Protein backbone atom coordinates (compact mmCIF):
# COMPACT_ATOMS: atom_id res chain seq x y z
CA MET A 1 78.32 49.05 -11.02
CA GLN A 2 79.40 47.53 -14.35
CA LEU A 3 77.79 44.22 -13.34
CA LEU A 4 74.52 45.97 -12.59
CA THR A 5 74.53 47.56 -16.06
CA PHE A 6 75.21 44.18 -17.61
CA LEU A 7 72.46 42.41 -15.65
CA ARG A 8 70.02 45.04 -16.83
CA GLN A 9 70.75 43.94 -20.43
CA ALA A 10 70.38 40.18 -19.82
CA ASP A 11 67.16 38.70 -21.21
CA ILE A 12 66.02 37.04 -17.98
CA PHE A 13 66.23 40.31 -16.05
CA TYR A 14 64.14 42.30 -18.55
CA GLY A 15 61.89 44.81 -16.79
CA ILE A 16 63.24 44.08 -13.32
CA PRO A 17 63.76 47.25 -11.26
CA LYS A 18 67.29 48.42 -10.38
CA GLU A 19 66.89 47.78 -6.64
CA HIS A 20 66.15 44.11 -7.33
CA LEU A 21 69.06 43.82 -9.77
CA GLN A 22 71.36 45.18 -7.08
CA LYS A 23 70.39 42.24 -4.86
CA VAL A 24 71.03 39.84 -7.76
CA ALA A 25 74.46 41.40 -8.32
CA GLU A 26 75.32 40.73 -4.68
CA VAL A 27 74.85 36.96 -5.11
CA CYS A 28 76.70 36.68 -8.44
CA HIS A 29 80.19 35.27 -8.62
CA GLU A 30 82.41 35.48 -11.68
CA CYS A 31 83.85 32.40 -13.36
CA VAL A 32 86.44 32.45 -16.14
CA PHE A 33 86.95 29.57 -18.58
CA LYS A 34 89.49 29.02 -21.36
CA LYS A 35 88.70 27.72 -24.85
CA GLY A 36 87.42 24.13 -24.84
CA GLU A 37 86.85 23.97 -21.08
CA ILE A 38 83.68 22.25 -19.93
CA ILE A 39 81.58 24.63 -17.84
CA VAL A 40 78.82 22.15 -17.00
CA LYS A 41 78.44 18.52 -18.02
CA GLU A 42 75.30 16.90 -19.35
CA ASN A 43 73.47 14.59 -16.96
CA THR A 44 75.02 16.06 -13.80
CA PRO A 45 73.19 17.83 -10.97
CA SER A 46 72.13 21.39 -11.72
CA ASP A 47 72.22 24.12 -9.11
CA GLU A 48 73.54 27.24 -10.83
CA LEU A 49 72.35 29.67 -13.46
CA TYR A 50 75.02 31.19 -15.71
CA ILE A 51 74.94 34.56 -17.45
CA ILE A 52 77.52 35.08 -20.18
CA THR A 53 79.27 38.43 -19.80
CA GLU A 54 82.09 37.88 -22.30
CA GLY A 55 82.89 35.25 -24.91
CA ILE A 56 80.94 32.46 -26.59
CA VAL A 57 79.61 29.26 -25.02
CA GLU A 58 78.63 26.17 -27.01
CA ILE A 59 75.74 24.03 -25.86
CA VAL A 60 76.49 20.37 -26.65
CA ILE A 61 74.34 17.24 -26.45
CA ASP A 62 75.63 13.67 -26.49
CA PRO A 63 73.24 11.10 -28.03
CA SER A 64 75.05 8.28 -26.21
CA MET A 65 73.49 9.52 -22.95
CA LEU A 66 70.37 7.62 -24.07
CA GLY A 67 72.27 4.35 -24.36
CA PRO A 68 74.30 2.53 -27.00
CA SER A 69 74.36 4.49 -30.24
CA PRO A 70 75.58 3.98 -33.77
CA LEU A 71 79.18 4.90 -34.42
CA SER A 72 78.04 8.01 -36.29
CA ALA A 73 76.20 9.43 -33.27
CA GLN A 74 78.71 11.94 -31.95
CA PRO A 75 78.18 14.84 -29.53
CA ALA A 76 76.68 17.79 -31.40
CA ILE A 77 76.70 21.54 -30.87
CA ILE A 78 73.06 22.62 -30.78
CA ALA A 79 73.56 26.30 -29.96
CA ASN A 80 76.11 29.06 -29.50
CA LEU A 81 75.33 31.52 -26.73
CA TRP A 82 76.64 35.08 -26.56
CA PRO A 83 76.99 37.79 -23.91
CA GLY A 84 73.65 38.55 -22.27
CA GLN A 85 72.36 35.02 -22.77
CA THR A 86 71.93 32.45 -20.02
CA PHE A 87 71.97 28.73 -19.44
CA GLY A 88 71.08 26.56 -16.47
CA GLU A 89 67.54 27.92 -16.10
CA ILE A 90 65.93 24.48 -16.14
CA GLY A 91 67.80 23.53 -12.99
CA LEU A 92 66.34 26.57 -11.25
CA VAL A 93 62.88 25.27 -11.98
CA ASP A 94 63.12 21.52 -11.37
CA ARG A 95 66.53 20.80 -9.77
CA GLY A 96 66.95 18.01 -12.31
CA MET A 97 70.01 16.84 -14.16
CA ARG A 98 71.56 19.07 -16.82
CA SER A 99 70.05 18.45 -20.25
CA ALA A 100 73.24 19.43 -22.12
CA SER A 101 76.89 20.30 -21.63
CA ALA A 102 78.30 23.78 -22.02
CA ARG A 103 81.87 24.53 -23.08
CA THR A 104 83.85 27.61 -23.97
CA ALA A 105 84.00 28.27 -27.72
CA SER A 106 85.97 31.54 -27.62
CA GLU A 107 89.51 32.01 -26.34
CA GLU A 108 88.03 32.93 -22.97
CA ALA A 109 84.56 33.21 -21.51
CA ARG A 110 83.54 35.20 -18.45
CA LEU A 111 80.33 34.19 -16.74
CA GLN A 112 78.36 35.30 -13.74
CA ALA A 113 77.12 32.29 -11.79
CA ILE A 114 74.20 32.42 -9.40
CA LYS A 115 73.43 29.56 -7.06
CA ARG A 116 69.84 28.30 -7.17
CA GLU A 117 69.43 28.69 -3.42
CA ASP A 118 70.51 32.35 -3.52
CA LEU A 119 68.12 33.19 -6.35
CA MET A 120 65.23 31.32 -4.75
CA ASN A 121 65.84 33.20 -1.48
CA LEU A 122 65.59 36.49 -3.39
CA CYS A 123 62.33 35.29 -5.00
CA GLU A 124 60.90 34.29 -1.61
CA SER A 125 61.87 37.58 0.02
CA ASP A 126 60.18 39.62 -2.72
CA HIS A 127 57.34 37.92 -4.56
CA TYR A 128 57.04 40.65 -7.18
CA PHE A 129 60.70 40.11 -8.12
CA GLY A 130 60.10 36.35 -8.09
CA TYR A 131 57.12 36.72 -10.42
CA LEU A 132 59.04 38.91 -12.89
CA LEU A 133 62.05 36.59 -12.88
CA MET A 134 60.02 33.40 -13.34
CA ARG A 135 57.97 35.04 -16.12
CA ASN A 136 61.20 35.97 -17.91
CA ILE A 137 62.68 32.50 -17.40
CA ALA A 138 59.48 30.93 -18.77
CA SER A 139 59.69 33.20 -21.84
CA ASP A 140 63.36 32.32 -22.35
CA LEU A 141 62.69 28.59 -22.04
CA ALA A 142 59.71 28.84 -24.43
CA PHE A 143 61.98 30.53 -26.99
CA LYS A 144 64.59 27.78 -26.60
CA ILE A 145 61.95 25.03 -26.89
CA ARG A 146 60.58 26.58 -30.08
CA ASN A 147 64.07 26.75 -31.59
CA THR A 148 64.72 23.13 -30.63
CA ASP A 149 61.39 22.14 -32.18
CA LEU A 150 62.35 23.86 -35.44
CA MET A 151 65.74 22.13 -35.49
CA LEU A 152 64.09 18.76 -34.89
CA ARG A 153 61.55 19.34 -37.67
CA GLU A 154 64.32 20.37 -40.03
CA GLN A 155 66.22 17.18 -39.21
CA LEU A 156 63.12 15.05 -39.76
CA LEU A 157 62.47 16.71 -43.13
CA TRP A 158 66.09 16.17 -44.14
CA GLU A 159 65.92 12.47 -43.24
CA ALA A 160 62.57 12.02 -45.03
CA ARG A 161 63.67 13.65 -48.29
CA PRO A 162 63.61 11.46 -51.42
CA ARG A 163 67.05 10.15 -52.27
CA THR A 164 68.11 9.74 -55.86
């Protein structure tokens, strides 16, 4: 029952009726990670969505994934995610490679993982649920894209500033 209450508070399940959340809870499995552990690695296959239930998760990108980089191009933390937030949504949509790594920033992180296949089966079995979930995922991804756009613009402004 505690999981159901938590799912109700997660952004991607906003407005989804209790009976649908109960089905989601049935396909969740808990994962526990210690500080510094890699949860998912950038540029690897993506087939799970993660919901943070406890702790903090860092989202990290590595510029060297694009090819040889200057010595100063080190992996960078682009976001910290907290309980109720999710990652791995892009893989639900396109089954592509992960666009970033995720690692535990707190002493411990507890996550609920949902396999893509299980969630897609729920969407197929109830199209109204599928519509609500995909609408919420689209809203969440739009929010993340806007934040990334702002960070990129800030970086470009910083690099273009006059130097004295």
